[in-house]
């Protein structure tokens, strides 16, 4: 009885101190707010990197610059997402180790927030993306990447998917340096006014 009470009290203290809480981040955009639950327990490296950009105000005044719709997916997989972060697309921190969805147990389903990358281990929260619909072909072992490693999910939109879809619907037309992203760059980036923890 005393031991059970001790366990319950310890769990309560840890919860009340925030140890057991999942951090939430609010992205205030020109079209409304997007709230993201950040899975620090399941994807610690990716989450820590994202929260560094949030806590240091590095997303403030930056924005979303890329949107993918089925008709602009060059591989015809029906991919849908929006990508944002630093408009310069330059990293402020060192690249982070790649946390695959096989490692985290997460998946690129509707609202999943993930780290963009080139080769595995080159990713950074300087550029992240939000999945719209089922993009599980972006998971470990999925068909999207020849290397089979997929992308690193670290969070989930819990409020504001209407805002995500409104961003996806914005006009595209800006030229891209990469053939794979032609037709996907927003004519005008959609500004992130402020990013902060809830």
N, C-alpha and C. Protein backbone atom coordinates (compact mmCIF):
# COMPACT_ATOMS: atom_id res chain seq x y z
N UNK A 1 0.83 -1.20 0.00
CA UNK A 1 0.00 0.00 0.00
C UNK A 1 0.87 1.26 0.00
N UNK A 2 1.85 1.31 0.92
CA UNK A 2 2.73 2.48 1.01
C UNK A 2 3.57 2.59 -0.26
N UNK A 3 4.05 1.43 -0.75
CA UNK A 3 4.86 1.43 -1.97
C UNK A 3 4.03 1.92 -3.16
N UNK A 4 2.79 1.48 -3.27
CA UNK A 4 1.91 1.90 -4.35
C UNK A 4 1.67 3.40 -4.29
N UNK A 5 1.46 3.90 -3.09
CA UNK A 5 1.25 5.34 -2.91
C UNK A 5 2.50 6.12 -3.32
N UNK A 6 3.68 5.58 -2.98
CA UNK A 6 4.94 6.23 -3.35
C UNK A 6 5.09 6.30 -4.87
N UNK A 7 4.75 5.19 -5.56
CA UNK A 7 4.85 5.15 -7.03
C UNK A 7 3.93 6.19 -7.65
N UNK A 8 2.70 6.26 -7.16
CA UNK A 8 1.73 7.23 -7.69
C UNK A 8 2.21 8.66 -7.44
N UNK A 9 2.71 8.92 -6.24
CA UNK A 9 3.19 10.28 -5.90
C UNK A 9 4.39 10.64 -6.76
N UNK A 10 5.31 9.70 -6.99
CA UNK A 10 6.48 9.97 -7.84
C UNK A 10 6.05 10.29 -9.25
N UNK A 11 5.11 9.51 -9.79
CA UNK A 11 4.62 9.76 -11.14
C UNK A 11 3.97 11.14 -11.24
N UNK A 12 3.23 11.51 -10.20
CA UNK A 12 2.57 12.82 -10.21
C UNK A 12 3.60 13.95 -10.18
N UNK A 13 4.63 13.79 -9.35
CA UNK A 13 5.67 14.82 -9.26
C UNK A 13 6.38 14.97 -10.60
N UNK A 14 6.74 13.85 -11.23
CA UNK A 14 7.40 13.91 -12.53
C UNK A 14 6.50 14.58 -13.56
N UNK A 15 5.22 14.23 -13.54
CA UNK A 15 4.27 14.83 -14.49
C UNK A 15 4.14 16.32 -14.24
N UNK A 16 4.01 16.72 -12.98
CA UNK A 16 3.80 18.12 -12.66
C UNK A 16 5.04 18.97 -12.93
N UNK A 17 6.21 18.33 -12.90
CA UNK A 17 7.45 19.05 -13.20
C UNK A 17 7.71 19.13 -14.71
N UNK A 18 6.88 18.47 -15.48
CA UNK A 18 7.03 18.55 -16.94
C UNK A 18 7.88 17.47 -17.54
N UNK A 19 8.43 16.58 -16.71
CA UNK A 19 9.30 15.54 -17.24
C UNK A 19 8.53 14.62 -18.17
N UNK A 20 7.27 14.30 -17.79
CA UNK A 20 6.48 13.36 -18.57
C UNK A 20 5.64 14.05 -19.64
N UNK A 21 5.72 15.36 -19.76
CA UNK A 21 4.89 16.08 -20.72
C UNK A 21 5.54 16.12 -22.09
N UNK A 22 4.69 16.09 -23.11
CA UNK A 22 5.15 16.27 -24.49
C UNK A 22 5.12 17.76 -24.80
N UNK A 23 6.24 18.35 -25.18
CA UNK A 23 6.23 19.78 -25.52
C UNK A 23 5.32 20.05 -26.71
N UNK A 24 4.66 21.19 -26.67
CA UNK A 24 3.85 21.64 -27.79
C UNK A 24 4.39 22.97 -28.28
N UNK A 25 4.42 23.13 -29.60
CA UNK A 25 4.90 24.36 -30.22
C UNK A 25 3.78 24.97 -31.05
N UNK A 26 3.62 26.27 -30.94
CA UNK A 26 2.66 27.00 -31.76
C UNK A 26 3.42 27.76 -32.84
N UNK A 27 3.07 27.48 -34.10
CA UNK A 27 3.57 28.28 -35.22
C UNK A 27 2.47 29.26 -35.59
N UNK A 28 2.70 30.53 -35.32
CA UNK A 28 1.74 31.56 -35.69
C UNK A 28 2.06 32.00 -37.12
N UNK A 29 1.17 31.71 -38.05
CA UNK A 29 1.41 32.06 -39.44
C UNK A 29 0.44 33.14 -39.91
N UNK A 30 0.65 33.61 -41.12
CA UNK A 30 -0.24 34.63 -41.68
C UNK A 30 -1.66 34.10 -41.90
N UNK A 31 -1.82 32.78 -41.94
CA UNK A 31 -3.15 32.20 -42.17
C UNK A 31 -3.76 31.59 -40.91
N UNK A 32 -3.05 31.68 -39.78
CA UNK A 32 -3.55 31.10 -38.53
C UNK A 32 -2.49 30.27 -37.84
N UNK A 33 -2.87 29.66 -36.74
CA UNK A 33 -1.92 28.92 -35.91
C UNK A 33 -1.90 27.42 -36.23
N UNK A 34 -0.70 26.86 -36.13
CA UNK A 34 -0.49 25.42 -36.24
C UNK A 34 0.14 24.96 -34.92
N UNK A 35 -0.49 24.02 -34.25
CA UNK A 35 0.06 23.51 -32.99
C UNK A 35 0.65 22.12 -33.21
N UNK A 36 1.89 21.95 -32.79
CA UNK A 36 2.63 20.71 -33.02
C UNK A 36 3.04 20.07 -31.69
N UNK A 37 2.69 18.80 -31.50
CA UNK A 37 3.23 18.02 -30.38
C UNK A 37 4.58 17.48 -30.82
N UNK A 38 5.60 17.70 -29.98
CA UNK A 38 6.98 17.32 -30.33
C UNK A 38 7.37 16.10 -29.49
N UNK A 39 7.69 14.99 -30.17
CA UNK A 39 7.93 13.72 -29.50
C UNK A 39 9.39 13.58 -29.07
N UNK A 40 9.74 14.29 -28.01
CA UNK A 40 11.11 14.26 -27.51
C UNK A 40 11.52 12.88 -27.00
N UNK A 41 10.54 12.08 -26.61
CA UNK A 41 10.85 10.74 -26.08
C UNK A 41 11.14 9.75 -27.21
N UNK A 42 10.48 9.92 -28.36
CA UNK A 42 10.62 8.94 -29.44
C UNK A 42 11.63 9.35 -30.50
N UNK A 43 11.80 10.64 -30.70
CA UNK A 43 12.76 11.15 -31.69
C UNK A 43 13.56 12.29 -31.05
N UNK A 44 14.40 11.96 -30.08
CA UNK A 44 15.07 13.00 -29.28
C UNK A 44 15.99 13.93 -30.06
N UNK A 45 16.75 13.41 -31.02
CA UNK A 45 17.69 14.26 -31.75
C UNK A 45 16.96 15.26 -32.65
N UNK A 46 15.99 14.78 -33.40
CA UNK A 46 15.22 15.64 -34.29
C UNK A 46 14.43 16.66 -33.49
N UNK A 47 13.82 16.20 -32.39
CA UNK A 47 13.02 17.09 -31.54
C UNK A 47 13.86 18.19 -30.92
N UNK A 48 15.02 17.80 -30.39
CA UNK A 48 15.91 18.78 -29.76
C UNK A 48 16.34 19.84 -30.76
N UNK A 49 16.63 19.41 -31.99
CA UNK A 49 17.05 20.35 -33.02
C UNK A 49 15.92 21.33 -33.36
N UNK A 50 14.71 20.80 -33.53
CA UNK A 50 13.54 21.64 -33.82
C UNK A 50 13.30 22.64 -32.69
N UNK A 51 13.36 22.17 -31.45
CA UNK A 51 13.11 23.05 -30.30
C UNK A 51 14.20 24.10 -30.15
N UNK A 52 15.42 23.80 -30.59
CA UNK A 52 16.49 24.80 -30.57
C UNK A 52 16.11 25.97 -31.48
N UNK A 53 15.62 25.65 -32.68
CA UNK A 53 15.21 26.71 -33.61
C UNK A 53 14.04 27.51 -33.06
N UNK A 54 13.11 26.82 -32.39
CA UNK A 54 11.96 27.50 -31.79
C UNK A 54 12.41 28.41 -30.65
N UNK A 55 13.16 27.85 -29.70
CA UNK A 55 13.53 28.58 -28.48
C UNK A 55 14.45 29.76 -28.75
N UNK A 56 15.18 29.71 -29.86
CA UNK A 56 16.10 30.81 -30.19
C UNK A 56 15.51 31.78 -31.22
N UNK A 57 14.22 31.65 -31.48
CA UNK A 57 13.53 32.59 -32.36
C UNK A 57 13.96 32.53 -33.81
N UNK A 58 14.53 31.39 -34.21
CA UNK A 58 15.10 31.30 -35.56
C UNK A 58 14.05 31.14 -36.65
N UNK A 59 12.84 30.73 -36.29
CA UNK A 59 11.76 30.63 -37.28
C UNK A 59 10.98 31.94 -37.42
N UNK A 60 11.14 32.84 -36.47
CA UNK A 60 10.35 34.08 -36.48
C UNK A 60 10.69 34.91 -37.71
N UNK A 61 9.66 35.25 -38.49
CA UNK A 61 9.87 36.00 -39.72
C UNK A 61 10.27 35.15 -40.91
N UNK A 62 10.42 33.84 -40.70
CA UNK A 62 10.75 32.92 -41.80
C UNK A 62 9.43 32.39 -42.38
N UNK A 63 9.38 31.17 -42.91
CA UNK A 63 8.10 30.75 -43.44
C UNK A 63 8.08 29.43 -44.17
N UNK A 64 6.93 29.16 -44.77
CA UNK A 64 6.72 28.00 -45.63
C UNK A 64 6.93 28.44 -47.07
N UNK A 65 7.67 27.66 -47.84
CA UNK A 65 8.05 28.06 -49.19
C UNK A 65 7.77 27.01 -50.25
N UNK A 66 7.37 25.80 -49.83
CA UNK A 66 7.16 24.72 -50.79
C UNK A 66 5.88 23.97 -50.46
N UNK A 67 5.13 23.65 -51.48
CA UNK A 67 3.92 22.85 -51.30
C UNK A 67 3.87 21.79 -52.39
N UNK A 68 3.53 20.58 -52.00
CA UNK A 68 3.43 19.49 -52.97
C UNK A 68 1.98 19.02 -53.00
N UNK A 69 1.44 18.96 -54.20
CA UNK A 69 0.10 18.44 -54.44
C UNK A 69 0.24 17.25 -55.40
N UNK A 70 -0.75 16.37 -55.48
CA UNK A 70 -0.61 15.19 -56.36
C UNK A 70 -0.19 15.54 -57.78
N UNK A 71 -0.70 16.64 -58.31
CA UNK A 71 -0.37 16.99 -59.69
C UNK A 71 1.03 17.55 -59.86
N UNK A 72 1.69 17.90 -58.74
CA UNK A 72 3.07 18.41 -58.85
C UNK A 72 4.09 17.42 -58.32
N UNK A 73 3.64 16.19 -57.99
CA UNK A 73 4.55 15.15 -57.53
C UNK A 73 5.17 14.48 -58.76
N UNK A 74 6.47 14.69 -59.00
CA UNK A 74 7.09 14.15 -60.22
C UNK A 74 7.13 12.62 -60.26
N UNK A 75 6.99 11.96 -59.11
CA UNK A 75 7.00 10.50 -59.08
C UNK A 75 5.60 9.90 -59.11
N UNK A 76 4.59 10.78 -59.20
CA UNK A 76 3.20 10.33 -59.30
C UNK A 76 2.78 9.38 -58.19
N UNK A 77 3.21 9.68 -56.97
CA UNK A 77 2.83 8.86 -55.82
C UNK A 77 1.68 9.51 -55.03
N UNK A 78 1.25 10.69 -55.48
CA UNK A 78 0.18 11.37 -54.75
C UNK A 78 0.65 12.07 -53.49
N UNK A 79 1.95 12.37 -53.42
CA UNK A 79 2.51 13.01 -52.23
C UNK A 79 1.88 14.39 -52.01
N UNK A 80 1.56 14.67 -50.74
CA UNK A 80 1.04 15.97 -50.36
C UNK A 80 1.73 16.43 -49.08
N UNK A 81 2.30 17.64 -49.12
CA UNK A 81 2.97 18.19 -47.94
C UNK A 81 3.24 19.67 -48.13
N UNK A 82 3.60 20.32 -47.04
CA UNK A 82 4.15 21.67 -47.10
C UNK A 82 5.50 21.65 -46.41
N UNK A 83 6.43 22.46 -46.90
CA UNK A 83 7.77 22.50 -46.32
C UNK A 83 8.11 23.94 -45.96
N UNK A 84 8.78 24.09 -44.82
CA UNK A 84 9.15 25.43 -44.37
C UNK A 84 10.36 25.40 -43.47
N UNK A 85 10.58 26.54 -42.83
CA UNK A 85 11.73 26.71 -41.96
C UNK A 85 12.43 28.00 -42.32
N UNK A 86 13.75 27.95 -42.42
CA UNK A 86 14.52 29.14 -42.78
C UNK A 86 14.44 29.35 -44.29
N UNK A 87 14.07 30.55 -44.68
CA UNK A 87 13.89 30.83 -46.11
C UNK A 87 15.21 30.78 -46.88
N UNK A 88 16.32 30.98 -46.17
CA UNK A 88 17.64 30.87 -46.82
C UNK A 88 17.98 29.42 -47.13
N UNK A 89 17.26 28.48 -46.46
CA UNK A 89 17.52 27.04 -46.56
C UNK A 89 18.94 26.70 -46.11
N UNK A 90 19.51 27.53 -45.27
CA UNK A 90 20.83 27.29 -44.68
C UNK A 90 20.66 26.85 -43.24
N UNK A 91 21.47 25.92 -42.79
CA UNK A 91 21.38 25.45 -41.41
C UNK A 91 22.14 26.36 -40.47
N UNK A 92 21.66 26.42 -39.24
CA UNK A 92 22.35 27.17 -38.18
C UNK A 92 23.12 26.20 -37.29
N UNK A 93 22.61 24.99 -37.19
CA UNK A 93 23.24 23.95 -36.37
C UNK A 93 23.87 22.89 -37.27
N UNK A 94 24.65 22.03 -36.67
CA UNK A 94 25.24 20.92 -37.42
C UNK A 94 24.15 19.94 -37.84
N UNK A 95 24.36 19.19 -38.93
CA UNK A 95 23.39 18.16 -39.32
C UNK A 95 23.21 17.15 -38.19
N UNK A 96 22.04 16.54 -38.15
CA UNK A 96 21.74 15.60 -37.06
C UNK A 96 21.68 14.17 -37.61
N UNK A 97 21.97 13.22 -36.74
CA UNK A 97 21.87 11.82 -37.12
C UNK A 97 20.42 11.50 -37.51
N UNK A 98 20.27 10.64 -38.48
CA UNK A 98 18.96 10.31 -39.03
C UNK A 98 18.23 9.32 -38.12
N UNK A 99 17.08 9.73 -37.61
CA UNK A 99 16.24 8.87 -36.77
C UNK A 99 15.12 8.31 -37.65
N UNK A 100 15.28 7.09 -38.10
CA UNK A 100 14.31 6.50 -39.02
C UNK A 100 12.99 6.21 -38.32
N UNK A 101 11.94 6.07 -39.12
CA UNK A 101 10.64 5.71 -38.55
C UNK A 101 10.67 4.29 -37.99
N UNK A 102 11.60 3.45 -38.46
CA UNK A 102 11.76 2.12 -37.88
C UNK A 102 12.25 2.24 -36.43
N UNK A 103 13.11 3.24 -36.18
CA UNK A 103 13.64 3.46 -34.84
C UNK A 103 12.59 4.08 -33.91
N UNK A 104 11.78 4.99 -34.44
CA UNK A 104 10.85 5.76 -33.59
C UNK A 104 9.46 5.17 -33.51
N UNK A 105 9.09 4.34 -34.49
CA UNK A 105 7.74 3.80 -34.51
C UNK A 105 6.70 4.80 -35.01
N UNK A 106 7.16 5.94 -35.54
CA UNK A 106 6.26 6.96 -36.06
C UNK A 106 6.08 6.75 -37.56
N UNK A 107 5.12 7.46 -38.16
CA UNK A 107 4.85 7.30 -39.58
C UNK A 107 4.40 8.61 -40.20
N UNK A 108 4.59 8.72 -41.51
CA UNK A 108 4.21 9.93 -42.24
C UNK A 108 2.72 9.90 -42.61
N UNK A 109 1.89 9.96 -41.59
CA UNK A 109 0.46 10.03 -41.79
C UNK A 109 0.03 11.49 -41.72
N UNK A 110 -1.27 11.75 -41.84
CA UNK A 110 -1.77 13.12 -41.88
C UNK A 110 -1.32 13.91 -40.65
N UNK A 111 -0.64 15.03 -40.89
CA UNK A 111 -0.20 15.89 -39.80
C UNK A 111 1.16 15.58 -39.23
N UNK A 112 1.82 14.52 -39.71
CA UNK A 112 3.17 14.20 -39.20
C UNK A 112 4.14 15.30 -39.59
N UNK A 113 5.03 15.66 -38.66
CA UNK A 113 6.05 16.69 -38.91
C UNK A 113 7.40 16.00 -38.96
N UNK A 114 8.18 16.31 -39.99
CA UNK A 114 9.38 15.52 -40.28
C UNK A 114 10.55 16.41 -40.70
N UNK A 115 11.74 15.87 -40.54
CA UNK A 115 12.97 16.55 -40.94
C UNK A 115 13.25 16.29 -42.42
N UNK A 116 13.48 17.36 -43.18
CA UNK A 116 13.89 17.20 -44.58
C UNK A 116 15.39 16.88 -44.62
N UNK A 117 15.83 16.23 -45.68
CA UNK A 117 17.24 15.84 -45.79
C UNK A 117 17.61 15.58 -47.23
N UNK A 118 18.91 15.48 -47.47
CA UNK A 118 19.42 14.92 -48.70
C UNK A 118 19.85 13.49 -48.37
N UNK A 119 21.15 13.27 -48.15
CA UNK A 119 21.62 11.95 -47.70
C UNK A 119 21.27 11.75 -46.22
N UNK A 120 21.12 10.51 -45.76
CA UNK A 120 20.89 10.27 -44.33
C UNK A 120 22.00 10.92 -43.50
N UNK A 121 21.61 11.63 -42.46
CA UNK A 121 22.59 12.32 -41.62
C UNK A 121 22.88 13.74 -42.06
N UNK A 122 22.16 14.25 -43.07
CA UNK A 122 22.34 15.63 -43.52
C UNK A 122 21.14 16.50 -43.12
N UNK A 123 20.18 15.91 -42.40
CA UNK A 123 18.96 16.63 -42.07
C UNK A 123 19.16 17.70 -41.02
N UNK A 124 18.20 18.62 -41.00
CA UNK A 124 18.23 19.72 -40.04
C UNK A 124 16.82 20.27 -39.90
N UNK A 125 16.49 20.75 -38.71
CA UNK A 125 15.20 21.40 -38.50
C UNK A 125 15.16 22.78 -39.15
N UNK A 126 16.25 23.20 -39.77
CA UNK A 126 16.22 24.44 -40.56
C UNK A 126 15.20 24.32 -41.66
N UNK A 127 14.92 23.09 -42.09
CA UNK A 127 13.88 22.84 -43.08
C UNK A 127 13.12 21.58 -42.68
N UNK A 128 11.84 21.74 -42.43
CA UNK A 128 10.99 20.63 -42.00
C UNK A 128 9.75 20.60 -42.88
N UNK A 129 9.02 19.49 -42.82
CA UNK A 129 7.79 19.43 -43.61
C UNK A 129 6.66 18.78 -42.83
N UNK A 130 5.45 19.09 -43.26
CA UNK A 130 4.24 18.55 -42.63
C UNK A 130 3.49 17.73 -43.68
N UNK A 131 3.24 16.47 -43.36
CA UNK A 131 2.52 15.58 -44.27
C UNK A 131 1.03 15.91 -44.28
N UNK A 132 0.45 15.77 -45.46
CA UNK A 132 -0.99 15.92 -45.63
C UNK A 132 -1.48 14.59 -46.22
N UNK A 133 -2.37 13.93 -45.50
CA UNK A 133 -2.82 12.61 -45.92
C UNK A 133 -1.78 11.55 -45.59
N UNK A 134 -1.91 10.40 -46.23
CA UNK A 134 -1.03 9.26 -45.97
C UNK A 134 0.17 9.30 -46.91
N UNK A 135 1.33 9.63 -46.36
CA UNK A 135 2.59 9.63 -47.11
C UNK A 135 3.53 8.57 -46.55
N UNK A 136 2.98 7.41 -46.19
CA UNK A 136 3.80 6.39 -45.53
C UNK A 136 4.91 5.85 -46.43
N UNK A 137 4.86 6.17 -47.73
CA UNK A 137 5.97 5.80 -48.61
C UNK A 137 7.23 6.62 -48.30
N UNK A 138 7.10 7.60 -47.39
CA UNK A 138 8.26 8.36 -46.91
C UNK A 138 8.89 7.73 -45.67
N UNK A 139 8.28 6.65 -45.18
CA UNK A 139 8.80 5.95 -44.00
C UNK A 139 10.02 5.10 -44.38
N UNK A 140 10.67 4.58 -43.35
CA UNK A 140 11.77 3.62 -43.55
C UNK A 140 11.27 2.45 -44.39
N UNK A 141 12.03 2.09 -45.41
CA UNK A 141 11.63 0.99 -46.27
C UNK A 141 10.61 1.37 -47.33
N UNK A 142 10.19 2.64 -47.33
CA UNK A 142 9.21 3.11 -48.31
C UNK A 142 9.81 3.27 -49.70
N UNK A 143 8.94 3.48 -50.66
CA UNK A 143 9.35 3.52 -52.06
C UNK A 143 9.93 4.86 -52.50
N UNK A 144 9.81 5.89 -51.68
CA UNK A 144 10.17 7.22 -52.15
C UNK A 144 11.67 7.41 -52.34
N UNK A 145 12.45 6.93 -51.38
CA UNK A 145 13.90 7.14 -51.41
C UNK A 145 14.63 5.88 -51.85
N UNK A 146 15.53 6.00 -52.83
CA UNK A 146 16.31 4.83 -53.25
C UNK A 146 17.11 4.21 -52.10
N UNK A 147 17.52 5.04 -51.10
CA UNK A 147 18.31 4.50 -50.00
C UNK A 147 17.45 3.73 -48.98
N UNK A 148 16.13 3.86 -49.09
CA UNK A 148 15.23 3.11 -48.22
C UNK A 148 15.15 3.60 -46.79
N UNK A 149 15.83 4.69 -46.48
CA UNK A 149 15.89 5.16 -45.09
C UNK A 149 14.72 6.07 -44.70
N UNK A 150 14.03 6.61 -45.70
CA UNK A 150 12.89 7.48 -45.41
C UNK A 150 13.31 8.77 -44.72
N UNK A 151 12.33 9.41 -44.12
CA UNK A 151 12.56 10.68 -43.41
C UNK A 151 12.25 10.50 -41.93
N UNK A 152 12.66 11.49 -41.13
CA UNK A 152 12.57 11.37 -39.68
C UNK A 152 11.39 12.16 -39.12
N UNK A 153 10.31 11.45 -38.79
CA UNK A 153 9.16 12.08 -38.14
C UNK A 153 9.53 12.38 -36.69
N UNK A 154 9.17 13.58 -36.22
CA UNK A 154 9.44 13.92 -34.82
C UNK A 154 8.26 14.59 -34.13
N UNK A 155 7.20 14.86 -34.85
CA UNK A 155 6.07 15.56 -34.25
C UNK A 155 4.78 15.31 -34.98
N UNK A 156 3.71 15.91 -34.46
CA UNK A 156 2.38 15.73 -35.02
C UNK A 156 1.57 17.01 -34.84
N UNK A 157 0.95 17.47 -35.92
CA UNK A 157 0.03 18.60 -35.80
C UNK A 157 -1.20 18.14 -35.03
N UNK A 158 -1.51 18.83 -33.93
CA UNK A 158 -2.68 18.48 -33.13
C UNK A 158 -3.80 19.49 -33.30
N UNK A 159 -3.47 20.68 -33.79
CA UNK A 159 -4.47 21.70 -34.13
C UNK A 159 -3.94 22.49 -35.32
N UNK A 160 -4.86 22.84 -36.22
CA UNK A 160 -4.46 23.71 -37.32
C UNK A 160 -4.20 23.03 -38.64
N UNK A 161 -4.71 21.80 -38.84
CA UNK A 161 -4.53 21.17 -40.15
C UNK A 161 -5.28 21.94 -41.24
N UNK A 162 -6.31 22.70 -40.85
CA UNK A 162 -6.99 23.57 -41.82
C UNK A 162 -6.04 24.64 -42.33
N UNK A 163 -5.16 25.11 -41.44
CA UNK A 163 -4.16 26.11 -41.82
C UNK A 163 -3.12 25.46 -42.74
N UNK A 164 -2.69 24.26 -42.39
CA UNK A 164 -1.73 23.52 -43.22
C UNK A 164 -2.29 23.36 -44.64
N UNK A 165 -3.55 22.98 -44.75
CA UNK A 165 -4.16 22.77 -46.07
C UNK A 165 -4.33 24.10 -46.82
N UNK A 166 -4.58 25.17 -46.07
CA UNK A 166 -4.69 26.49 -46.70
C UNK A 166 -3.34 26.93 -47.27
N UNK A 167 -2.26 26.60 -46.56
CA UNK A 167 -0.92 26.90 -47.07
C UNK A 167 -0.64 26.07 -48.32
N UNK A 168 -1.04 24.80 -48.28
CA UNK A 168 -0.82 23.92 -49.43
C UNK A 168 -1.53 24.45 -50.68
N UNK A 169 -2.65 25.14 -50.49
CA UNK A 169 -3.45 25.63 -51.61
C UNK A 169 -2.94 26.95 -52.20
N UNK A 170 -1.90 27.53 -51.59
CA UNK A 170 -1.37 28.80 -52.09
C UNK A 170 -0.76 28.65 -53.48
N UNK A 171 -0.71 29.76 -54.17
CA UNK A 171 -0.21 29.75 -55.56
C UNK A 171 1.27 29.41 -55.62
N UNK A 172 1.59 28.54 -56.57
CA UNK A 172 3.00 28.21 -56.83
C UNK A 172 3.40 28.86 -58.15
N UNK A 173 4.68 28.91 -58.40
CA UNK A 173 5.15 29.51 -59.65
C UNK A 173 6.58 29.97 -59.61
N UNK A 174 7.14 30.08 -58.40
CA UNK A 174 8.53 30.48 -58.29
C UNK A 174 9.42 29.38 -58.84
N UNK A 175 10.44 29.75 -59.58
CA UNK A 175 11.35 28.77 -60.17
C UNK A 175 12.19 28.10 -59.08
N UNK A 176 12.54 26.84 -59.31
CA UNK A 176 13.37 26.09 -58.37
C UNK A 176 14.68 25.70 -59.04
N UNK A 177 15.74 25.61 -58.24
CA UNK A 177 17.04 25.16 -58.76
C UNK A 177 17.05 23.65 -58.99
N UNK A 178 16.13 22.95 -58.34
CA UNK A 178 16.08 21.49 -58.42
C UNK A 178 14.95 21.05 -59.34
N UNK A 179 15.22 20.13 -60.25
CA UNK A 179 14.19 19.63 -61.16
C UNK A 179 13.05 18.96 -60.39
N UNK A 180 13.39 18.27 -59.30
CA UNK A 180 12.39 17.51 -58.54
C UNK A 180 11.36 18.40 -57.86
N UNK A 181 11.70 19.69 -57.65
CA UNK A 181 10.77 20.57 -56.95
C UNK A 181 10.17 21.66 -57.86
N UNK A 182 10.36 21.52 -59.16
CA UNK A 182 9.74 22.47 -60.08
C UNK A 182 8.22 22.39 -59.95
N UNK A 183 7.60 23.57 -59.93
CA UNK A 183 6.15 23.64 -59.79
C UNK A 183 5.66 23.53 -58.36
N UNK A 184 6.61 23.41 -57.41
CA UNK A 184 6.23 23.24 -56.01
C UNK A 184 6.55 24.45 -55.13
N UNK A 185 7.29 25.40 -55.64
CA UNK A 185 7.72 26.54 -54.82
C UNK A 185 6.64 27.62 -54.82
N UNK A 186 6.27 28.08 -53.64
CA UNK A 186 5.25 29.11 -53.54
C UNK A 186 5.71 30.39 -54.21
N UNK A 187 4.79 31.05 -54.88
CA UNK A 187 5.11 32.33 -55.53
C UNK A 187 5.60 33.33 -54.49
N UNK A 188 4.95 33.32 -53.32
CA UNK A 188 5.38 34.13 -52.19
C UNK A 188 5.39 33.23 -50.95
N UNK A 189 6.50 33.16 -50.22
CA UNK A 189 6.50 32.35 -49.00
C UNK A 189 5.41 32.80 -48.04
N UNK A 190 4.87 31.86 -47.30
CA UNK A 190 3.84 32.13 -46.29
C UNK A 190 4.55 32.30 -44.95
N UNK A 191 4.47 33.49 -44.40
CA UNK A 191 5.31 33.84 -43.24
C UNK A 191 4.92 33.13 -41.96
N UNK A 192 5.95 32.67 -41.22
CA UNK A 192 5.81 32.26 -39.83
C UNK A 192 6.09 33.52 -39.01
N UNK A 193 5.06 34.07 -38.41
CA UNK A 193 5.23 35.31 -37.65
C UNK A 193 5.99 35.05 -36.36
N UNK A 194 5.63 33.97 -35.68
CA UNK A 194 6.25 33.64 -34.39
C UNK A 194 6.13 32.15 -34.15
N UNK A 195 7.20 31.56 -33.63
CA UNK A 195 7.18 30.16 -33.19
C UNK A 195 7.55 30.14 -31.71
N UNK A 196 6.72 29.48 -30.90
CA UNK A 196 7.01 29.45 -29.47
C UNK A 196 6.39 28.20 -28.84
N UNK A 197 6.91 27.83 -27.70
CA UNK A 197 6.32 26.73 -26.95
C UNK A 197 5.00 27.22 -26.35
N UNK A 198 4.04 26.28 -26.27
CA UNK A 198 2.75 26.64 -25.71
C UNK A 198 2.85 26.84 -24.21
